[in-house]
All heavy atoms as atom14 arrays in JSON, in Angstrom:
{
  "sequence": "DVYQEYIEITAYKGEATEVTVPDTLDGKPVRRLGELAFYGGAAVTAVT",
  "atom14_mask": [
    [1, 1, 1, 1, 1, 1, 1, 1, 0, 0, 0, 0, 0, 0],
    [1, 1, 1, 1, 1, 1, 1, 0, 0, 0, 0, 0, 0, 0],
    [1, 1, 1, 1, 1, 1, 1, 1, 1, 1, 1, 1, 0, 0],
    [1, 1, 1, 1, 1, 1, 1, 1, 1, 0, 0, 0, 0, 0],
    [1, 1, 1, 1, 1, 1, 1, 1, 1, 0, 0, 0, 0, 0],
    [1, 1, 1, 1, 1, 1, 1, 1, 1, 1, 1, 1, 0, 0],
    [1, 1, 1, 1, 1, 1, 1, 1, 0, 0, 0, 0, 0, 0],
    [1, 1, 1, 1, 1, 1, 1, 1, 1, 0, 0, 0, 0, 0],
    [1, 1, 1, 1, 1, 1, 1, 1, 0, 0, 0, 0, 0, 0],
    [1, 1, 1, 1, 1, 1, 1, 0, 0, 0, 0, 0, 0, 0],
    [1, 1, 1, 1, 1, 0, 0, 0, 0, 0, 0, 0, 0, 0],
    [1, 1, 1, 1, 1, 1, 1, 1, 1, 1, 1, 1, 0, 0],
    [1, 1, 1, 1, 1, 1, 1, 1, 1, 0, 0, 0, 0, 0],
    [1, 1, 1, 1, 0, 0, 0, 0, 0, 0, 0, 0, 0, 0],
    [1, 1, 1, 1, 1, 1, 1, 1, 1, 0, 0, 0, 0, 0],
    [1, 1, 1, 1, 1, 0, 0, 0, 0, 0, 0, 0, 0, 0],
    [1, 1, 1, 1, 1, 1, 1, 0, 0, 0, 0, 0, 0, 0],
    [1, 1, 1, 1, 1, 1, 1, 1, 1, 0, 0, 0, 0, 0],
    [1, 1, 1, 1, 1, 1, 1, 0, 0, 0, 0, 0, 0, 0],
    [1, 1, 1, 1, 1, 1, 1, 0, 0, 0, 0, 0, 0, 0],
    [1, 1, 1, 1, 1, 1, 1, 0, 0, 0, 0, 0, 0, 0],
    [1, 1, 1, 1, 1, 1, 1, 0, 0, 0, 0, 0, 0, 0],
    [1, 1, 1, 1, 1, 1, 1, 1, 0, 0, 0, 0, 0, 0],
    [1, 1, 1, 1, 1, 1, 1, 0, 0, 0, 0, 0, 0, 0],
    [1, 1, 1, 1, 1, 1, 1, 1, 0, 0, 0, 0, 0, 0],
    [1, 1, 1, 1, 1, 1, 1, 1, 0, 0, 0, 0, 0, 0],
    [1, 1, 1, 1, 0, 0, 0, 0, 0, 0, 0, 0, 0, 0],
    [1, 1, 1, 1, 1, 1, 1, 1, 1, 0, 0, 0, 0, 0],
    [1, 1, 1, 1, 1, 1, 1, 0, 0, 0, 0, 0, 0, 0],
    [1, 1, 1, 1, 1, 1, 1, 0, 0, 0, 0, 0, 0, 0],
    [1, 1, 1, 1, 1, 1, 1, 1, 1, 1, 1, 0, 0, 0],
    [1, 1, 1, 1, 1, 1, 1, 1, 1, 1, 1, 0, 0, 0],
    [1, 1, 1, 1, 1, 1, 1, 1, 0, 0, 0, 0, 0, 0],
    [1, 1, 1, 1, 0, 0, 0, 0, 0, 0, 0, 0, 0, 0],
    [1, 1, 1, 1, 1, 1, 1, 1, 1, 0, 0, 0, 0, 0],
    [1, 1, 1, 1, 1, 1, 1, 1, 0, 0, 0, 0, 0, 0],
    [1, 1, 1, 1, 1, 0, 0, 0, 0, 0, 0, 0, 0, 0],
    [1, 1, 1, 1, 1, 1, 1, 1, 1, 1, 1, 0, 0, 0],
    [1, 1, 1, 1, 1, 1, 1, 1, 1, 1, 1, 1, 0, 0],
    [1, 1, 1, 1, 0, 0, 0, 0, 0, 0, 0, 0, 0, 0],
    [1, 1, 1, 1, 0, 0, 0, 0, 0, 0, 0, 0, 0, 0],
    [1, 1, 1, 1, 1, 0, 0, 0, 0, 0, 0, 0, 0, 0],
    [1, 1, 1, 1, 1, 0, 0, 0, 0, 0, 0, 0, 0, 0],
    [1, 1, 1, 1, 1, 1, 1, 0, 0, 0, 0, 0, 0, 0],
    [1, 1, 1, 1, 1, 1, 1, 0, 0, 0, 0, 0, 0, 0],
    [1, 1, 1, 1, 1, 0, 0, 0, 0, 0, 0, 0, 0, 0],
    [1, 1, 1, 1, 1, 1, 1, 0, 0, 0, 0, 0, 0, 0],
    [1, 1, 1, 1, 1, 1, 1, 0, 0, 0, 0, 0, 0, 0]
  ],
  "atom14_positions": [
    [[13.21, 15.14, -17.83], [14.3, 15.12, -18.79], [15.42, 16.03, -18.3], [15.16, 17.16, -17.85], [13.83, 15.6, -20.17], [12.91, 14.61, -20.85], [12.91, 13.42, -20.45], [12.19, 15.01, -21.79], [0.0, 0.0, 0.0], [0.0, 0.0, 0.0], [0.0, 0.0, 0.0], [0.0, 0.0, 0.0], [0.0, 0.0, 0.0], [0.0, 0.0, 0.0]],
    [[16.62, 15.54, -18.38], [17.8, 16.3, -17.97], [18.44, 16.91, -19.21], [18.74, 16.2, -20.18], [18.82, 15.4, -17.25], [20.05, 16.2, -16.82], [18.17, 14.72, -16.04], [0.0, 0.0, 0.0], [0.0, 0.0, 0.0], [0.0, 0.0, 0.0], [0.0, 0.0, 0.0], [0.0, 0.0, 0.0], [0.0, 0.0, 0.0], [0.0, 0.0, 0.0]],
    [[18.63, 18.21, -19.17], [19.35, 18.92, -20.23], [20.66, 19.45, -19.63], [20.87, 19.38, -18.42], [18.5, 20.05, -20.8], [17.29, 19.55, -21.56], [16.11, 19.24, -20.9], [17.34, 19.35, -22.93], [15.01, 18.75, -21.58], [16.25, 18.86, -23.64], [15.09, 18.57, -22.95], [14.0, 18.08, -23.63], [0.0, 0.0, 0.0], [0.0, 0.0, 0.0]],
    [[21.52, 19.96, -20.47], [22.82, 20.4, -19.98], [22.72, 21.5, -18.93], [23.51, 21.52, -17.98], [23.67, 20.88, -21.17], [24.08, 19.78, -22.11], [24.87, 20.27, -23.31], [25.19, 21.47, -23.41], [25.18, 19.39, -24.24], [0.0, 0.0, 0.0], [0.0, 0.0, 0.0], [0.0, 0.0, 0.0], [0.0, 0.0, 0.0], [0.0, 0.0, 0.0]],
    [[21.72, 22.37, -19.07], [21.63, 23.52, -18.16], [20.37, 23.54, -17.29], [20.26, 24.39, -16.41], [21.69, 24.83, -18.97], [22.95, 25.01, -19.8], [24.2, 25.16, -18.94], [24.05, 25.61, -17.79], [25.3, 24.83, -19.41], [0.0, 0.0, 0.0], [0.0, 0.0, 0.0], [0.0, 0.0, 0.0], [0.0, 0.0, 0.0], [0.0, 0.0, 0.0]],
    [[19.42, 22.64, -17.54], [18.15, 22.71, -16.81], [17.42, 21.37, -16.81], [17.83, 20.42, -17.47], [17.26, 23.8, -17.4], [16.74, 23.49, -18.8], [15.48, 22.93, -18.98], [17.51, 23.74, -19.93], [15.0, 22.63, -20.25], [17.04, 23.45, -21.19], [15.79, 22.9, -21.34], [15.32, 22.6, -22.6], [0.0, 0.0, 0.0], [0.0, 0.0, 0.0]],
    [[16.29, 21.37, -16.1], [15.42, 20.19, -16.0], [14.04, 20.52, -16.54], [13.5, 21.61, -16.31], [15.28, 19.74, -14.52], [16.62, 19.33, -13.94], [14.25, 18.61, -14.39], [17.23, 18.08, -14.51], [0.0, 0.0, 0.0], [0.0, 0.0, 0.0], [0.0, 0.0, 0.0], [0.0, 0.0, 0.0], [0.0, 0.0, 0.0], [0.0, 0.0, 0.0]],
    [[13.44, 19.57, -17.26], [12.04, 19.65, -17.67], [11.28, 18.5, -17.02], [11.6, 17.33, -17.24], [11.89, 19.56, -19.18], [10.44, 19.52, -19.64], [10.28, 19.36, -21.13], [11.24, 19.61, -21.88], [9.17, 18.97, -21.55], [0.0, 0.0, 0.0], [0.0, 0.0, 0.0], [0.0, 0.0, 0.0], [0.0, 0.0, 0.0], [0.0, 0.0, 0.0]],
    [[10.29, 18.84, -16.2], [9.45, 17.8, -15.6], [8.42, 17.36, -16.62], [7.68, 18.18, -17.17], [8.77, 18.32, -14.32], [9.82, 18.53, -13.23], [7.69, 17.35, -13.84], [9.27, 19.12, -11.95], [0.0, 0.0, 0.0], [0.0, 0.0, 0.0], [0.0, 0.0, 0.0], [0.0, 0.0, 0.0], [0.0, 0.0, 0.0], [0.0, 0.0, 0.0]],
    [[8.38, 16.07, -16.9], [7.49, 15.55, -17.94], [6.24, 14.88, -17.37], [5.25, 14.74, -18.08], [8.23, 14.55, -18.84], [8.79, 13.51, -18.03], [9.35, 15.25, -19.61], [0.0, 0.0, 0.0], [0.0, 0.0, 0.0], [0.0, 0.0, 0.0], [0.0, 0.0, 0.0], [0.0, 0.0, 0.0], [0.0, 0.0, 0.0], [0.0, 0.0, 0.0]],
    [[6.28, 14.46, -16.1], [5.09, 13.83, -15.51], [5.2, 13.83, -14.0], [6.28, 13.6, -13.43], [4.95, 12.4, -16.02], [0.0, 0.0, 0.0], [0.0, 0.0, 0.0], [0.0, 0.0, 0.0], [0.0, 0.0, 0.0], [0.0, 0.0, 0.0], [0.0, 0.0, 0.0], [0.0, 0.0, 0.0], [0.0, 0.0, 0.0], [0.0, 0.0, 0.0]],
    [[4.05, 14.1, -13.36], [3.95, 13.96, -11.91], [3.36, 12.59, -11.6], [2.29, 12.24, -12.1], [3.06, 15.06, -11.33], [2.8, 14.88, -9.85], [3.82, 15.0, -8.93], [1.51, 14.57, -9.38], [3.6, 14.82, -7.57], [1.28, 14.39, -8.02], [2.33, 14.51, -7.13], [2.1, 14.32, -5.78], [0.0, 0.0, 0.0], [0.0, 0.0, 0.0]],
    [[4.05, 11.82, -10.78], [3.63, 10.45, -10.47], [3.33, 10.26, -8.98], [3.06, 9.14, -8.55], [4.72, 9.47, -10.9], [4.98, 9.42, -12.4], [3.75, 8.93, -13.16], [4.02, 8.8, -14.63], [2.83, 8.33, -15.38], [0.0, 0.0, 0.0], [0.0, 0.0, 0.0], [0.0, 0.0, 0.0], [0.0, 0.0, 0.0], [0.0, 0.0, 0.0]],
    [[3.38, 11.34, -8.22], [3.16, 11.23, -6.79], [1.69, 11.1, -6.44], [0.81, 11.15, -7.3], [0.0, 0.0, 0.0], [0.0, 0.0, 0.0], [0.0, 0.0, 0.0], [0.0, 0.0, 0.0], [0.0, 0.0, 0.0], [0.0, 0.0, 0.0], [0.0, 0.0, 0.0], [0.0, 0.0, 0.0], [0.0, 0.0, 0.0], [0.0, 0.0, 0.0]],
    [[1.41, 10.96, -5.14], [0.05, 10.78, -4.67], [-0.41, 11.92, -3.76], [-1.54, 11.9, -3.27], [-0.07, 9.45, -3.92], [0.23, 8.24, -4.8], [0.09, 6.92, -4.05], [-0.14, 6.97, -2.83], [0.22, 5.86, -4.69], [0.0, 0.0, 0.0], [0.0, 0.0, 0.0], [0.0, 0.0, 0.0], [0.0, 0.0, 0.0], [0.0, 0.0, 0.0]],
    [[0.44, 12.91, -3.55], [0.08, 14.03, -2.68], [-1.02, 14.88, -3.31], [-1.07, 15.04, -4.54], [1.31, 14.89, -2.4], [0.0, 0.0, 0.0], [0.0, 0.0, 0.0], [0.0, 0.0, 0.0], [0.0, 0.0, 0.0], [0.0, 0.0, 0.0], [0.0, 0.0, 0.0], [0.0, 0.0, 0.0], [0.0, 0.0, 0.0], [0.0, 0.0, 0.0]],
    [[-1.9, 15.42, -2.49], [-2.94, 16.29, -3.0], [-2.47, 17.74, -3.08], [-2.95, 18.51, -3.9], [-4.19, 16.23, -2.1], [-3.84, 16.58, -0.76], [-4.78, 14.83, -2.13], [0.0, 0.0, 0.0], [0.0, 0.0, 0.0], [0.0, 0.0, 0.0], [0.0, 0.0, 0.0], [0.0, 0.0, 0.0], [0.0, 0.0, 0.0], [0.0, 0.0, 0.0]],
    [[-1.51, 18.1, -2.22], [-0.89, 19.42, -2.27], [0.57, 19.23, -2.68], [1.34, 18.61, -1.96], [-1.0, 20.13, -0.92], [-2.45, 20.4, -0.52], [-2.55, 21.19, 0.77], [-1.5, 21.55, 1.35], [-3.69, 21.45, 1.21], [0.0, 0.0, 0.0], [0.0, 0.0, 0.0], [0.0, 0.0, 0.0], [0.0, 0.0, 0.0], [0.0, 0.0, 0.0]],
    [[0.93, 19.76, -3.83], [2.22, 19.48, -4.44], [3.08, 20.74, -4.48], [2.61, 21.8, -4.9], [2.03, 18.95, -5.88], [3.38, 18.65, -6.52], [1.14, 17.72, -5.89], [0.0, 0.0, 0.0], [0.0, 0.0, 0.0], [0.0, 0.0, 0.0], [0.0, 0.0, 0.0], [0.0, 0.0, 0.0], [0.0, 0.0, 0.0], [0.0, 0.0, 0.0]],
    [[4.32, 20.6, -4.05], [5.31, 21.67, -4.2], [6.35, 21.21, -5.21], [7.12, 20.27, -4.94], [5.99, 22.0, -2.86], [5.0, 22.49, -1.93], [7.05, 23.09, -3.05], [0.0, 0.0, 0.0], [0.0, 0.0, 0.0], [0.0, 0.0, 0.0], [0.0, 0.0, 0.0], [0.0, 0.0, 0.0], [0.0, 0.0, 0.0], [0.0, 0.0, 0.0]],
    [[6.35, 21.83, -6.37], [7.31, 21.46, -7.41], [8.69, 21.97, -7.01], [8.84, 23.15, -6.66], [6.89, 22.06, -8.77], [7.93, 21.75, -9.85], [5.52, 21.54, -9.18], [0.0, 0.0, 0.0], [0.0, 0.0, 0.0], [0.0, 0.0, 0.0], [0.0, 0.0, 0.0], [0.0, 0.0, 0.0], [0.0, 0.0, 0.0], [0.0, 0.0, 0.0]],
    [[9.71, 21.12, -7.01], [11.04, 21.55, -6.57], [11.66, 22.56, -7.53], [11.36, 22.56, -8.73], [11.84, 20.25, -6.56], [11.16, 19.38, -7.56], [9.69, 19.72, -7.47], [0.0, 0.0, 0.0], [0.0, 0.0, 0.0], [0.0, 0.0, 0.0], [0.0, 0.0, 0.0], [0.0, 0.0, 0.0], [0.0, 0.0, 0.0], [0.0, 0.0, 0.0]],
    [[12.53, 23.41, -6.99], [13.21, 24.38, -7.86], [14.43, 23.78, -8.53], [14.91, 24.29, -9.54], [13.57, 25.66, -7.1], [14.44, 25.38, -5.88], [14.73, 24.2, -5.59], [14.82, 26.35, -5.21], [0.0, 0.0, 0.0], [0.0, 0.0, 0.0], [0.0, 0.0, 0.0], [0.0, 0.0, 0.0], [0.0, 0.0, 0.0], [0.0, 0.0, 0.0]],
    [[14.94, 22.66, -7.98], [16.06, 21.96, -8.61], [15.85, 20.45, -8.54], [15.2, 19.94, -7.62], [17.41, 22.29, -7.92], [17.36, 21.86, -6.56], [17.72, 23.77, -8.0], [0.0, 0.0, 0.0], [0.0, 0.0, 0.0], [0.0, 0.0, 0.0], [0.0, 0.0, 0.0], [0.0, 0.0, 0.0], [0.0, 0.0, 0.0], [0.0, 0.0, 0.0]],
    [[16.42, 19.75, -9.5], [16.53, 18.3, -9.5], [17.91, 17.97, -10.05], [18.35, 18.59, -11.04], [15.45, 17.66, -10.38], [14.02, 17.61, -9.82], [13.03, 17.19, -10.92], [13.93, 16.65, -8.63], [0.0, 0.0, 0.0], [0.0, 0.0, 0.0], [0.0, 0.0, 0.0], [0.0, 0.0, 0.0], [0.0, 0.0, 0.0], [0.0, 0.0, 0.0]],
    [[18.58, 17.06, -9.44], [19.95, 16.7, -9.86], [20.86, 17.92, -9.91], [21.76, 18.01, -10.76], [19.93, 16.01, -11.23], [19.33, 14.62, -11.18], [19.02, 14.16, -10.06], [19.16, 14.0, -12.24], [0.0, 0.0, 0.0], [0.0, 0.0, 0.0], [0.0, 0.0, 0.0], [0.0, 0.0, 0.0], [0.0, 0.0, 0.0], [0.0, 0.0, 0.0]],
    [[20.6, 18.9, -9.04], [21.45, 20.07, -8.97], [21.24, 21.08, -10.09], [21.99, 22.05, -10.2], [0.0, 0.0, 0.0], [0.0, 0.0, 0.0], [0.0, 0.0, 0.0], [0.0, 0.0, 0.0], [0.0, 0.0, 0.0], [0.0, 0.0, 0.0], [0.0, 0.0, 0.0], [0.0, 0.0, 0.0], [0.0, 0.0, 0.0], [0.0, 0.0, 0.0]],
    [[20.18, 20.88, -10.91], [19.91, 21.8, -12.01], [18.53, 22.43, -11.83], [17.62, 21.8, -11.29], [19.99, 21.07, -13.35], [21.37, 20.53, -13.67], [21.4, 19.82, -15.01], [22.8, 19.28, -15.31], [22.86, 18.61, -16.63], [0.0, 0.0, 0.0], [0.0, 0.0, 0.0], [0.0, 0.0, 0.0], [0.0, 0.0, 0.0], [0.0, 0.0, 0.0]],
    [[18.36, 23.69, -12.28], [17.08, 24.36, -12.08], [15.95, 23.75, -12.9], [16.14, 23.37, -14.06], [17.36, 25.8, -12.54], [18.49, 25.68, -13.5], [19.34, 24.55, -12.98], [0.0, 0.0, 0.0], [0.0, 0.0, 0.0], [0.0, 0.0, 0.0], [0.0, 0.0, 0.0], [0.0, 0.0, 0.0], [0.0, 0.0, 0.0], [0.0, 0.0, 0.0]],
    [[14.79, 23.64, -12.29], [13.6, 23.19, -13.01], [13.03, 24.39, -13.74], [12.49, 25.31, -13.13], [12.55, 22.61, -12.04], [11.25, 22.28, -12.78], [13.1, 21.36, -11.36], [0.0, 0.0, 0.0], [0.0, 0.0, 0.0], [0.0, 0.0, 0.0], [0.0, 0.0, 0.0], [0.0, 0.0, 0.0], [0.0, 0.0, 0.0], [0.0, 0.0, 0.0]],
    [[13.16, 24.39, -15.06], [12.74, 25.55, -15.86], [11.45, 25.33, -16.65], [10.83, 26.28, -17.09], [13.85, 25.94, -16.84], [15.08, 26.52, -16.17], [16.08, 26.99, -17.2], [17.29, 27.51, -16.58], [18.4, 27.8, -17.24], [18.46, 27.61, -18.56], [19.46, 28.26, -16.59], [0.0, 0.0, 0.0], [0.0, 0.0, 0.0], [0.0, 0.0, 0.0]],
    [[11.06, 24.09, -16.81], [9.9, 23.83, -17.66], [9.05, 22.7, -17.12], [9.56, 21.67, -16.68], [10.37, 23.49, -19.08], [9.25, 23.44, -20.11], [9.78, 23.26, -21.52], [8.73, 23.44, -22.5], [7.9, 22.48, -22.92], [8.02, 21.26, -22.45], [6.98, 22.76, -23.83], [0.0, 0.0, 0.0], [0.0, 0.0, 0.0], [0.0, 0.0, 0.0]],
    [[7.74, 22.92, -17.16], [6.78, 21.83, -16.99], [6.38, 21.38, -18.38], [5.86, 22.17, -19.17], [5.55, 22.3, -16.22], [5.69, 22.54, -14.71], [4.33, 22.91, -14.13], [6.24, 21.31, -14.01], [0.0, 0.0, 0.0], [0.0, 0.0, 0.0], [0.0, 0.0, 0.0], [0.0, 0.0, 0.0], [0.0, 0.0, 0.0], [0.0, 0.0, 0.0]],
    [[6.61, 20.15, -18.72], [6.36, 19.66, -20.06], [4.89, 19.45, -20.36], [4.01, 19.6, -19.5], [0.0, 0.0, 0.0], [0.0, 0.0, 0.0], [0.0, 0.0, 0.0], [0.0, 0.0, 0.0], [0.0, 0.0, 0.0], [0.0, 0.0, 0.0], [0.0, 0.0, 0.0], [0.0, 0.0, 0.0], [0.0, 0.0, 0.0], [0.0, 0.0, 0.0]],
    [[4.6, 19.11, -21.6], [3.23, 18.83, -22.03], [2.62, 17.72, -21.18], [3.25, 16.69, -20.92], [3.22, 18.41, -23.5], [3.69, 19.5, -24.45], [3.67, 19.03, -25.9], [3.1, 17.95, -26.17], [4.22, 19.75, -26.75], [0.0, 0.0, 0.0], [0.0, 0.0, 0.0], [0.0, 0.0, 0.0], [0.0, 0.0, 0.0], [0.0, 0.0, 0.0]],
    [[1.4, 17.96, -20.71], [0.63, 16.96, -19.95], [1.3, 16.54, -18.64], [1.02, 15.46, -18.11], [0.4, 15.71, -20.82], [-0.35, 15.94, -22.15], [-0.25, 14.69, -23.02], [-1.8, 16.28, -21.91], [0.0, 0.0, 0.0], [0.0, 0.0, 0.0], [0.0, 0.0, 0.0], [0.0, 0.0, 0.0], [0.0, 0.0, 0.0], [0.0, 0.0, 0.0]],
    [[2.15, 17.4, -18.09], [2.92, 17.04, -16.9], [2.03, 16.63, -15.73], [2.34, 15.69, -15.0], [3.84, 18.18, -16.49], [0.0, 0.0, 0.0], [0.0, 0.0, 0.0], [0.0, 0.0, 0.0], [0.0, 0.0, 0.0], [0.0, 0.0, 0.0], [0.0, 0.0, 0.0], [0.0, 0.0, 0.0], [0.0, 0.0, 0.0], [0.0, 0.0, 0.0]],
    [[0.92, 17.34, -15.53], [-0.01, 17.02, -14.45], [-1.35, 16.54, -15.0], [-2.35, 16.54, -14.28], [-0.25, 18.24, -13.56], [0.83, 18.49, -12.56], [1.97, 19.2, -12.91], [0.73, 18.01, -11.26], [2.98, 19.44, -11.99], [1.73, 18.24, -10.33], [2.86, 18.97, -10.7], [0.0, 0.0, 0.0], [0.0, 0.0, 0.0], [0.0, 0.0, 0.0]],
    [[-1.39, 16.14, -16.23], [-2.64, 15.76, -16.9], [-3.45, 14.76, -16.07], [-2.95, 13.73, -15.64], [-2.35, 15.16, -18.27], [-3.53, 14.45, -18.9], [-4.63, 15.18, -19.32], [-3.55, 13.07, -19.04], [-5.73, 14.54, -19.89], [-4.63, 12.42, -19.62], [-5.72, 13.16, -20.04], [-6.8, 12.53, -20.59], [0.0, 0.0, 0.0], [0.0, 0.0, 0.0]],
    [[-4.72, 15.12, -15.86], [-5.62, 14.2, -15.18], [-5.27, 13.95, -13.73], [-5.68, 12.93, -13.18], [0.0, 0.0, 0.0], [0.0, 0.0, 0.0], [0.0, 0.0, 0.0], [0.0, 0.0, 0.0], [0.0, 0.0, 0.0], [0.0, 0.0, 0.0], [0.0, 0.0, 0.0], [0.0, 0.0, 0.0], [0.0, 0.0, 0.0], [0.0, 0.0, 0.0]],
    [[-4.54, 14.9, -13.11], [-4.18, 14.73, -11.71], [-5.4, 14.87, -10.83], [-5.63, 15.9, -10.18], [0.0, 0.0, 0.0], [0.0, 0.0, 0.0], [0.0, 0.0, 0.0], [0.0, 0.0, 0.0], [0.0, 0.0, 0.0], [0.0, 0.0, 0.0], [0.0, 0.0, 0.0], [0.0, 0.0, 0.0], [0.0, 0.0, 0.0], [0.0, 0.0, 0.0]],
    [[-6.2, 13.83, -10.76], [-7.52, 13.9, -10.14], [-7.47, 14.29, -8.67], [-8.38, 14.94, -8.16], [-8.24, 12.56, -10.3], [0.0, 0.0, 0.0], [0.0, 0.0, 0.0], [0.0, 0.0, 0.0], [0.0, 0.0, 0.0], [0.0, 0.0, 0.0], [0.0, 0.0, 0.0], [0.0, 0.0, 0.0], [0.0, 0.0, 0.0], [0.0, 0.0, 0.0]],
    [[-6.4, 13.91, -7.96], [-6.34, 14.16, -6.53], [-5.66, 15.48, -6.18], [-5.71, 15.92, -5.03], [-5.61, 13.02, -5.84], [0.0, 0.0, 0.0], [0.0, 0.0, 0.0], [0.0, 0.0, 0.0], [0.0, 0.0, 0.0], [0.0, 0.0, 0.0], [0.0, 0.0, 0.0], [0.0, 0.0, 0.0], [0.0, 0.0, 0.0], [0.0, 0.0, 0.0]],
    [[-5.02, 16.12, -7.14], [-4.22, 17.32, -6.86], [-5.14, 18.53, -6.66], [-5.88, 18.92, -7.56], [-3.22, 17.59, -7.99], [-2.48, 18.9, -7.75], [-2.24, 16.43, -8.11], [0.0, 0.0, 0.0], [0.0, 0.0, 0.0], [0.0, 0.0, 0.0], [0.0, 0.0, 0.0], [0.0, 0.0, 0.0], [0.0, 0.0, 0.0], [0.0, 0.0, 0.0]],
    [[-5.07, 19.13, -5.48], [-5.91, 20.3, -5.17], [-5.13, 21.6, -5.18], [-5.72, 22.66, -5.37], [-6.57, 20.13, -3.79], [-5.55, 20.02, -2.79], [-7.45, 18.89, -3.76], [0.0, 0.0, 0.0], [0.0, 0.0, 0.0], [0.0, 0.0, 0.0], [0.0, 0.0, 0.0], [0.0, 0.0, 0.0], [0.0, 0.0, 0.0], [0.0, 0.0, 0.0]],
    [[-3.81, 21.53, -4.95], [-2.99, 22.74, -4.92], [-1.59, 22.42, -5.41], [-1.03, 21.36, -5.1], [-2.94, 23.31, -3.5], [0.0, 0.0, 0.0], [0.0, 0.0, 0.0], [0.0, 0.0, 0.0], [0.0, 0.0, 0.0], [0.0, 0.0, 0.0], [0.0, 0.0, 0.0], [0.0, 0.0, 0.0], [0.0, 0.0, 0.0], [0.0, 0.0, 0.0]],
    [[-1.02, 23.37, -6.17], [0.34, 23.21, -6.68], [1.11, 24.5, -6.44], [0.64, 25.58, -6.81], [0.35, 22.88, -8.19], [1.79, 22.77, -8.7], [-0.39, 21.58, -8.47], [0.0, 0.0, 0.0], [0.0, 0.0, 0.0], [0.0, 0.0, 0.0], [0.0, 0.0, 0.0], [0.0, 0.0, 0.0], [0.0, 0.0, 0.0], [0.0, 0.0, 0.0]],
    [[2.27, 24.38, -5.82], [3.17, 25.53, -5.65], [4.3, 25.39, -6.66], [5.0, 24.37, -6.69], [3.75, 25.56, -4.22], [2.67, 25.65, -3.28], [4.67, 26.76, -4.04], [0.0, 0.0, 0.0], [0.0, 0.0, 0.0], [0.0, 0.0, 0.0], [0.0, 0.0, 0.0], [0.0, 0.0, 0.0], [0.0, 0.0, 0.0], [0.0, 0.0, 0.0]]
  ]
}
């Protein structure tokens, strides 16, 4: 979700097992991981 001043990631849809969450999206800082953002990420072993 894009807000006026920041980004909230609502879901991870990638297939990587080691994930690096970006510090910006669309030029705005990622400030929040939303509810259930990585829920059930069966393959994810590491998150930065």
